[in-house]
Amino acid sequence: MARIIVVLLALLSLGAAPGTSKPFQRIVLAPGCYTIAPGGTYDVSAYCLDETMEAPAPGTSLASVPATLGQTVIKSGAAITSLQTAMQRGMIRLEGLGGADYFHVRVRNLSAGKIEICVTSPTVLLGDEGYPTADLKKVYRQLADILTQAGGTAQSSGNQDLETHIKVQKQIWDAMAAAKPKDERPVYGDWPPEPQGADRGVSGGQDCAGPPNTVVVCPAH
């Protein structure tokens, strides 16, 4: 219980930070199938991929789905389309929830009929096509294995669900960090340069600490 409290307090303080423009964290959806009524929404289990960057704020559109980084399909009646095609046709919209919920992405059904979204393999979401993917292609198989083996997703506010989700999130961030070249700077080199004075990460270990054997998600400054 103490570990959950430490993490949630850190996430709340992150959500209190002022909003910023792109780039924000890249996201990966966990496998699963969900039915959404016309005009309805469903919050799908998801994980952040860039530990030192802010999560997409509530309502922020996640508009790009790299073709080689997972598969998600949308079923509407007898028709089946890819996630990217469904978004381009205006059938659905995927939105960030950072600051309110760091464990899900909101899928909004914009169509007049019931749809089913099936994340058949862990699927990466980007803010737009300009976001980098080279590093993700190198580590995708490992990320997919982590999410497939974990099995647990944050379906509710229960302590067990949250703790499972936090542990998996930590494994994903560890995998991303291990895949980076040793001489690579803290923020991915192929991201667009940040505005002068911007600070998306923590300044040092002294700003990110918690009790022994806990998982701590550090707030941005």
C-alpha atoms as a PDB file:
ATOM      1  CA  MET A   1       0.000   0.000   0.000  1.00  0.00           C
ATOM      2  CA  ALA A   2       2.856   2.381   0.809  1.00  0.00           C
ATOM      3  CA  ARG A   3       4.302   1.891  -2.678  1.00  0.00           C
ATOM      4  CA  ILE A   4       0.982   2.829  -4.284  1.00  0.00           C
ATOM      5  CA  ILE A   5       0.745   6.005  -2.190  1.00  0.00           C
ATOM      6  CA  VAL A   6       4.298   7.089  -3.101  1.00  0.00           C
ATOM      7  CA  VAL A   7       3.661   6.640  -6.821  1.00  0.00           C
ATOM      8  CA  LEU A   8       0.252   8.291  -6.838  1.00  0.00           C
ATOM      9  CA  LEU A   9       1.538  11.326  -4.956  1.00  0.00           C
ATOM     10  CA  ALA A  10       4.327  11.682  -7.503  1.00  0.00           C
ATOM     11  CA  LEU A  11       1.863  11.441 -10.385  1.00  0.00           C
ATOM     12  CA  LEU A  12      -0.426  14.035  -8.829  1.00  0.00           C
ATOM     13  CA  SER A  13       2.446  16.484  -8.522  1.00  0.00           C
ATOM     14  CA  LEU A  14       3.317  15.836 -12.164  1.00  0.00           C
ATOM     15  CA  GLY A  15      -0.234  16.596 -13.194  1.00  0.00           C
ATOM     16  CA  ALA A  16      -0.060  19.932 -11.394  1.00  0.00           C
ATOM     17  CA  ALA A  17       2.782  21.136 -13.652  1.00  0.00           C
ATOM     18  CA  PRO A  18       1.859  23.690 -16.329  1.00  0.00           C
ATOM     19  CA  GLY A  19       0.970  22.271 -19.731  1.00  0.00           C
ATOM     20  CA  THR A  20       3.558  22.190 -22.502  1.00  0.00           C
ATOM     21  CA  SER A  21       3.520  21.727 -26.252  1.00  0.00           C
ATOM     22  CA  LYS A  22       4.954  18.740 -28.074  1.00  0.00           C
ATOM     23  CA  PRO A  23       6.907  16.589 -27.857  1.00  0.00           C
ATOM     24  CA  PHE A  24       5.295  14.468 -25.188  1.00  0.00           C
ATOM     25  CA  GLN A  25       5.694  10.814 -24.276  1.00  0.00           C
ATOM     26  CA  ARG A  26       5.158   8.142 -26.843  1.00  0.00           C
ATOM     27  CA  ILE A  27       2.587   5.564 -25.714  1.00  0.00           C
ATOM     28  CA  VAL A  28       2.065   1.825 -26.129  1.00  0.00           C
ATOM     29  CA  LEU A  29      -1.356   0.163 -25.809  1.00  0.00           C
ATOM     30  CA  ALA A  30      -1.614  -3.145 -23.968  1.00  0.00           C
ATOM     31  CA  PRO A  31      -3.393  -6.062 -25.726  1.00  0.00           C
ATOM     32  CA  GLY A  32      -7.141  -6.432 -25.267  1.00  0.00           C
ATOM     33  CA  CYS A  33     -10.537  -6.044 -26.969  1.00  0.00           C
ATOM     34  CA  TYR A  34     -13.184  -3.482 -26.010  1.00  0.00           C
ATOM     35  CA  THR A  35     -16.677  -2.610 -27.270  1.00  0.00           C
ATOM     36  CA  ILE A  36     -17.684   1.055 -27.445  1.00  0.00           C
ATOM     37  CA  ALA A  37     -21.227   2.343 -27.962  1.00  0.00           C
ATOM     38  CA  PRO A  38     -21.971   5.087 -30.536  1.00  0.00           C
ATOM     39  CA  GLY A  39     -20.616   8.383 -29.201  1.00  0.00           C
ATOM     40  CA  GLY A  40     -19.127   6.586 -26.201  1.00  0.00           C
ATOM     41  CA  THR A  41     -15.620   6.234 -24.814  1.00  0.00           C
ATOM     42  CA  TYR A  42     -13.453   3.512 -23.306  1.00  0.00           C
ATOM     43  CA  ASP A  43     -10.185   3.968 -21.423  1.00  0.00           C
ATOM     44  CA  VAL A  44      -7.724   1.381 -22.742  1.00  0.00           C
ATOM     45  CA  SER A  45      -4.763   0.239 -20.662  1.00  0.00           C
ATOM     46  CA  ALA A  46      -1.551   1.947 -21.839  1.00  0.00           C
ATOM     47  CA  TYR A  47       2.046   2.683 -20.849  1.00  0.00           C
ATOM     48  CA  CYS A  48       4.438   5.596 -21.393  1.00  0.00           C
ATOM     49  CA  LEU A  49       7.679   5.011 -23.303  1.00  0.00           C
ATOM     50  CA  ASP A  50       9.778   8.100 -22.492  1.00  0.00           C
ATOM     51  CA  GLU A  51      10.477   8.404 -18.770  1.00  0.00           C
ATOM     52  CA  THR A  52      11.871  11.951 -18.820  1.00  0.00           C
ATOM     53  CA  MET A  53       9.051  13.486 -20.850  1.00  0.00           C
ATOM     54  CA  GLU A  54       5.538  14.604 -19.939  1.00  0.00           C
ATOM     55  CA  ALA A  55       2.525  12.415 -20.647  1.00  0.00           C
ATOM     56  CA  PRO A  56       0.023  13.709 -23.230  1.00  0.00           C
ATOM     57  CA  ALA A  57      -2.435  15.994 -21.440  1.00  0.00           C
ATOM     58  CA  PRO A  58      -6.159  15.165 -21.236  1.00  0.00           C
ATOM     59  CA  GLY A  59      -7.756  15.570 -24.654  1.00  0.00           C
ATOM     60  CA  THR A  60      -4.439  15.578 -26.545  1.00  0.00           C
ATOM     61  CA  SER A  61      -4.783  13.679 -29.825  1.00  0.00           C
ATOM     62  CA  LEU A  62      -2.570  10.636 -30.447  1.00  0.00           C
ATOM     63  CA  ALA A  63      -2.880  10.642 -34.212  1.00  0.00           C
ATOM     64  CA  SER A  64      -0.135   8.371 -35.554  1.00  0.00           C
ATOM     65  CA  VAL A  65       0.213   4.576 -35.409  1.00  0.00           C
ATOM     66  CA  PRO A  66       3.508   3.255 -36.878  1.00  0.00           C
ATOM     67  CA  ALA A  67       2.701   0.293 -39.129  1.00  0.00           C
ATOM     68  CA  THR A  68       5.558  -1.889 -37.862  1.00  0.00           C
ATOM     69  CA  LEU A  69       5.054  -1.259 -34.132  1.00  0.00           C
ATOM     70  CA  GLY A  70       2.026  -3.333 -33.231  1.00  0.00           C
ATOM     71  CA  GLN A  71      -1.403  -4.101 -34.614  1.00  0.00           C
ATOM     72  CA  THR A  72      -4.822  -2.830 -33.582  1.00  0.00           C
ATOM     73  CA  VAL A  73      -8.004  -3.321 -35.603  1.00  0.00           C
ATOM     74  CA  ILE A  74     -11.406  -1.663 -35.495  1.00  0.00           C
ATOM     75  CA  LYS A  75     -14.542  -3.707 -36.162  1.00  0.00           C
ATOM     76  CA  SER A  76     -17.702  -1.900 -37.240  1.00  0.00           C
ATOM     77  CA  GLY A  77     -20.460  -4.250 -38.323  1.00  0.00           C
ATOM     78  CA  ALA A  78     -18.898  -6.583 -40.889  1.00  0.00           C
ATOM     79  CA  ALA A  79     -16.092  -4.133 -41.707  1.00  0.00           C
ATOM     80  CA  ILE A  80     -12.609  -4.409 -40.224  1.00  0.00           C
ATOM     81  CA  THR A  81     -10.083  -1.577 -40.571  1.00  0.00           C
ATOM     82  CA  SER A  82      -6.709  -0.721 -39.115  1.00  0.00           C
ATOM     83  CA  LEU A  83      -6.488   1.742 -36.236  1.00  0.00           C
ATOM     84  CA  GLN A  84      -4.729   4.341 -38.415  1.00  0.00           C
ATOM     85  CA  THR A  85      -7.377   4.064 -41.134  1.00  0.00           C
ATOM     86  CA  ALA A  86     -10.210   4.345 -38.611  1.00  0.00           C
ATOM     87  CA  MET A  87      -8.699   7.554 -37.228  1.00  0.00           C
ATOM     88  CA  GLN A  88      -8.157   9.002 -40.706  1.00  0.00           C
ATOM     89  CA  ARG A  89     -11.794   8.265 -41.597  1.00  0.00           C
ATOM     90  CA  GLY A  90     -13.002  10.031 -38.466  1.00  0.00           C
ATOM     91  CA  MET A  91     -14.459   6.881 -36.912  1.00  0.00           C
ATOM     92  CA  ILE A  92     -12.491   7.177 -33.671  1.00  0.00           C
ATOM     93  CA  ARG A  93     -10.143   9.484 -31.794  1.00  0.00           C
ATOM     94  CA  LEU A  94      -7.460   8.493 -29.279  1.00  0.00           C
ATOM     95  CA  GLU A  95      -6.714  10.955 -26.485  1.00  0.00           C
ATOM     96  CA  GLY A  96      -4.172  11.273 -23.696  1.00  0.00           C
ATOM     97  CA  LEU A  97      -5.261  11.414 -20.056  1.00  0.00           C
ATOM     98  CA  GLY A  98      -2.022  12.541 -18.391  1.00  0.00           C
ATOM     99  CA  GLY A  99      -2.570  14.474 -15.180  1.00  0.00           C
ATOM    100  CA  ALA A 100      -5.896  12.727 -14.633  1.00  0.00           C
ATOM    101  CA  ASP A 101      -4.964   9.119 -15.437  1.00  0.00           C
ATOM    102  CA  TYR A 102      -1.491   7.835 -16.341  1.00  0.00           C
ATOM    103  CA  PHE A 103      -2.605   4.250 -16.883  1.00  0.00           C
ATOM    104  CA  HIS A 104      -4.952   4.586 -19.866  1.00  0.00           C
ATOM    105  CA  VAL A 105      -5.607   6.186 -23.245  1.00  0.00           C
ATOM    106  CA  ARG A 106      -9.180   7.237 -24.039  1.00  0.00           C
ATOM    107  CA  VAL A 107     -10.731   5.824 -27.209  1.00  0.00           C
ATOM    108  CA  ARG A 108     -13.637   7.952 -28.413  1.00  0.00           C
ATOM    109  CA  ASN A 109     -16.172   6.417 -30.820  1.00  0.00           C
ATOM    110  CA  LEU A 110     -17.114   9.197 -33.249  1.00  0.00           C
ATOM    111  CA  SER A 111     -19.241   6.975 -35.471  1.00  0.00           C
ATOM    112  CA  ALA A 112     -22.989   6.374 -35.432  1.00  0.00           C
ATOM    113  CA  GLY A 113     -22.588   2.667 -34.740  1.00  0.00           C
ATOM    114  CA  LYS A 114     -21.103   0.351 -32.140  1.00  0.00           C
ATOM    115  CA  ILE A 115     -17.431  -0.493 -32.680  1.00  0.00           C
ATOM    116  CA  GLU A 116     -14.996  -2.974 -31.211  1.00  0.00           C
ATOM    117  CA  ILE A 117     -11.316  -2.088 -30.833  1.00  0.00           C
ATOM    118  CA  CYS A 118      -8.939  -5.032 -30.592  1.00  0.00           C
ATOM    119  CA  VAL A 119      -5.309  -4.446 -29.670  1.00  0.00           C
ATOM    120  CA  THR A 120      -4.008  -7.739 -31.058  1.00  0.00           C
ATOM    121  CA  SER A 121      -0.367  -6.906 -30.298  1.00  0.00           C
ATOM    122  CA  PRO A 122       1.093  -4.052 -28.200  1.00  0.00           C
ATOM    123  CA  THR A 123       0.576  -0.935 -30.324  1.00  0.00           C
ATOM    124  CA  VAL A 124       2.666   2.261 -30.272  1.00  0.00           C
ATOM    125  CA  LEU A 125       0.881   5.622 -30.488  1.00  0.00           C
ATOM    126  CA  LEU A 126       2.540   8.924 -31.415  1.00  0.00           C
ATOM    127  CA  GLY A 127       1.410  12.523 -31.395  1.00  0.00           C
ATOM    128  CA  ASP A 128       1.996  12.708 -35.160  1.00  0.00           C
ATOM    129  CA  GLU A 129       4.175  11.224 -37.904  1.00  0.00           C
ATOM    130  CA  GLY A 130       7.093  13.479 -36.934  1.00  0.00           C
ATOM    131  CA  TYR A 131       7.865  11.550 -33.763  1.00  0.00           C
ATOM    132  CA  PRO A 132      10.985   9.306 -33.849  1.00  0.00           C
ATOM    133  CA  THR A 133      10.607   5.532 -34.078  1.00  0.00           C
ATOM    134  CA  ALA A 134      14.119   4.185 -34.801  1.00  0.00           C
ATOM    135  CA  ASP A 135      14.814   3.411 -31.125  1.00  0.00           C
ATOM    136  CA  LEU A 136      11.394   1.796 -30.696  1.00  0.00           C
ATOM    137  CA  LYS A 137      11.964  -0.550 -33.631  1.00  0.00           C
ATOM    138  CA  LYS A 138      15.114  -1.843 -31.920  1.00  0.00           C
ATOM    139  CA  VAL A 139      13.385  -2.581 -28.610  1.00  0.00           C
ATOM    140  CA  TYR A 140       9.818  -3.335 -29.724  1.00  0.00           C
ATOM    141  CA  ARG A 141      10.107  -7.125 -29.417  1.00  0.00           C
ATOM    142  CA  GLN A 142      11.275  -6.786 -25.816  1.00  0.00           C
ATOM    143  CA  LEU A 143       8.464  -4.345 -25.025  1.00  0.00           C
ATOM    144  CA  ALA A 144       5.921  -6.707 -26.570  1.00  0.00           C
ATOM    145  CA  ASP A 145       7.264  -9.593 -24.485  1.00  0.00           C
ATOM    146  CA  ILE A 146       6.989  -7.544 -21.287  1.00  0.00           C
ATOM    147  CA  LEU A 147       3.374  -6.593 -21.978  1.00  0.00           C
ATOM    148  CA  THR A 148       2.349 -10.058 -23.163  1.00  0.00           C
ATOM    149  CA  GLN A 149       3.883 -11.833 -20.176  1.00  0.00           C
ATOM    150  CA  ALA A 150       2.541  -9.313 -17.639  1.00  0.00           C
ATOM    151  CA  GLY A 151      -1.084 -10.060 -18.398  1.00  0.00           C
ATOM    152  CA  GLY A 152      -2.265  -7.514 -15.792  1.00  0.00           C
ATOM    153  CA  THR A 153      -3.673  -4.130 -16.726  1.00  0.00           C
ATOM    154  CA  ALA A 154      -5.073  -1.295 -14.634  1.00  0.00           C
ATOM    155  CA  GLN A 155      -8.741  -2.022 -15.169  1.00  0.00           C
ATOM    156  CA  SER A 156      -9.825  -0.393 -11.924  1.00  0.00           C
ATOM    157  CA  SER A 157      -8.523   1.630  -8.985  1.00  0.00           C
ATOM    158  CA  GLY A 158      -7.786  -1.510  -6.998  1.00  0.00           C
ATOM    159  CA  ASN A 159      -4.376  -1.616  -5.342  1.00  0.00           C
ATOM    160  CA  GLN A 160      -3.388  -4.881  -7.017  1.00  0.00           C
ATOM    161  CA  ASP A 161      -4.194  -3.592 -10.515  1.00  0.00           C
ATOM    162  CA  LEU A 162      -2.315  -0.350  -9.925  1.00  0.00           C
ATOM    163  CA  GLU A 163       0.726  -2.060  -8.437  1.00  0.00           C
ATOM    164  CA  THR A 164       0.885  -4.499 -11.355  1.00  0.00           C
ATOM    165  CA  HIS A 165       0.647  -1.641 -13.842  1.00  0.00           C
ATOM    166  CA  ILE A 166       3.368   0.362 -12.092  1.00  0.00           C
ATOM    167  CA  LYS A 167       5.732  -2.625 -12.049  1.00  0.00           C
ATOM    168  CA  VAL A 168       5.212  -3.200 -15.774  1.00  0.00           C
ATOM    169  CA  GLN A 169       5.733   0.513 -16.457  1.00  0.00           C
ATOM    170  CA  LYS A 170       9.072   0.342 -14.633  1.00  0.00           C
ATOM    171  CA  GLN A 171      10.121  -2.672 -16.726  1.00  0.00           C
ATOM    172  CA  ILE A 172       9.287  -0.768 -19.912  1.00  0.00           C
ATOM    173  CA  TRP A 173      11.310   2.281 -18.865  1.00  0.00           C
ATOM    174  CA  ASP A 174      14.238   0.023 -17.899  1.00  0.00           C
ATOM    175  CA  ALA A 175      14.102  -1.658 -21.317  1.00  0.00           C
ATOM    176  CA  MET A 176      14.044   1.708 -23.087  1.00  0.00           C
ATOM    177  CA  ALA A 177      17.008   2.969 -21.035  1.00  0.00           C
ATOM    178  CA  ALA A 178      19.057  -0.202 -21.620  1.00  0.00           C
ATOM    179  CA  ALA A 179      18.550   0.055 -25.384  1.00  0.00           C
ATOM    180  CA  LYS A 180      20.065   3.539 -25.600  1.00  0.00           C
ATOM    181  CA  PRO A 181      23.737   3.940 -26.586  1.00  0.00           C
ATOM    182  CA  LYS A 182      25.950   4.751 -23.602  1.00  0.00           C
ATOM    183  CA  ASP A 183      27.057   8.037 -25.111  1.00  0.00           C
ATOM    184  CA  GLU A 184      23.537   9.155 -25.962  1.00  0.00           C
ATOM    185  CA  ARG A 185      22.411  12.260 -24.124  1.00  0.00           C
ATOM    186  CA  PRO A 186      19.562  12.009 -21.540  1.00  0.00           C
ATOM    187  CA  VAL A 187      16.866  13.155 -23.979  1.00  0.00           C
ATOM    188  CA  TYR A 188      16.673  11.277 -27.277  1.00  0.00           C
ATOM    189  CA  GLY A 189      18.970  12.952 -29.796  1.00  0.00           C
ATOM    190  CA  ASP A 190      16.485  12.765 -32.688  1.00  0.00           C
ATOM    191  CA  TRP A 191      13.706  14.630 -30.847  1.00  0.00           C
ATOM    192  CA  PRO A 192      13.141  18.245 -31.947  1.00  0.00           C
ATOM    193  CA  PRO A 193      15.175  20.632 -29.735  1.00  0.00           C
ATOM    194  CA  GLU A 194      13.334  21.829 -26.644  1.00  0.00           C
ATOM    195  CA  PRO A 195      12.659  25.525 -26.042  1.00  0.00           C
ATOM    196  CA  GLN A 196      15.399  27.347 -24.137  1.00  0.00           C
ATOM    197  CA  GLY A 197      14.907  26.989 -20.414  1.00  0.00           C
ATOM    198  CA  ALA A 198      12.560  24.004 -20.755  1.00  0.00           C
ATOM    199  CA  ASP A 199      13.066  21.225 -18.209  1.00  0.00           C
ATOM    200  CA  ARG A 200      11.061  18.047 -18.732  1.00  0.00           C
ATOM    201  CA  GLY A 201      12.981  15.759 -16.385  1.00  0.00           C
ATOM    202  CA  VAL A 202      14.300  15.620 -12.861  1.00  0.00           C
ATOM    203  CA  SER A 203      17.502  17.464 -12.044  1.00  0.00           C
ATOM    204  CA  GLY A 204      19.183  14.697 -10.129  1.00  0.00           C
ATOM    205  CA  GLY A 205      18.846  11.674  -7.878  1.00  0.00           C
ATOM    206  CA  GLN A 206      18.257  13.864  -4.858  1.00  0.00           C
ATOM    207  CA  ASP A 207      14.951  14.967  -6.427  1.00  0.00           C
ATOM    208  CA  CYS A 208      13.744  11.440  -7.040  1.00  0.00           C
ATOM    209  CA  ALA A 209      13.802   9.223  -3.981  1.00  0.00           C
ATOM    210  CA  GLY A 210      11.465   7.000  -2.058  1.00  0.00           C
ATOM    211  CA  PRO A 211      11.484   4.356   0.655  1.00  0.00           C
ATOM    212  CA  PRO A 212      13.480   1.148  -0.025  1.00  0.00           C
ATOM    213  CA  ASN A 213      11.791  -1.467  -2.275  1.00  0.00           C
ATOM    214  CA  THR A 214       9.356   1.040  -3.753  1.00  0.00           C
ATOM    215  CA  VAL A 215       8.660   2.149  -7.306  1.00  0.00           C
ATOM    216  CA  VAL A 216       8.734   5.925  -7.683  1.00  0.00           C
ATOM    217  CA  VAL A 217       7.597   7.846 -10.772  1.00  0.00           C
ATOM    218  CA  CYS A 218       9.383  11.189 -10.647  1.00  0.00           C
ATOM    219  CA  PRO A 219       7.550  14.424 -11.490  1.00  0.00           C
ATOM    220  CA  ALA A 220       8.826  16.814 -14.131  1.00  0.00           C
ATOM    221  CA  HIS A 221      10.003  20.244 -12.889  1.00  0.00           C
END
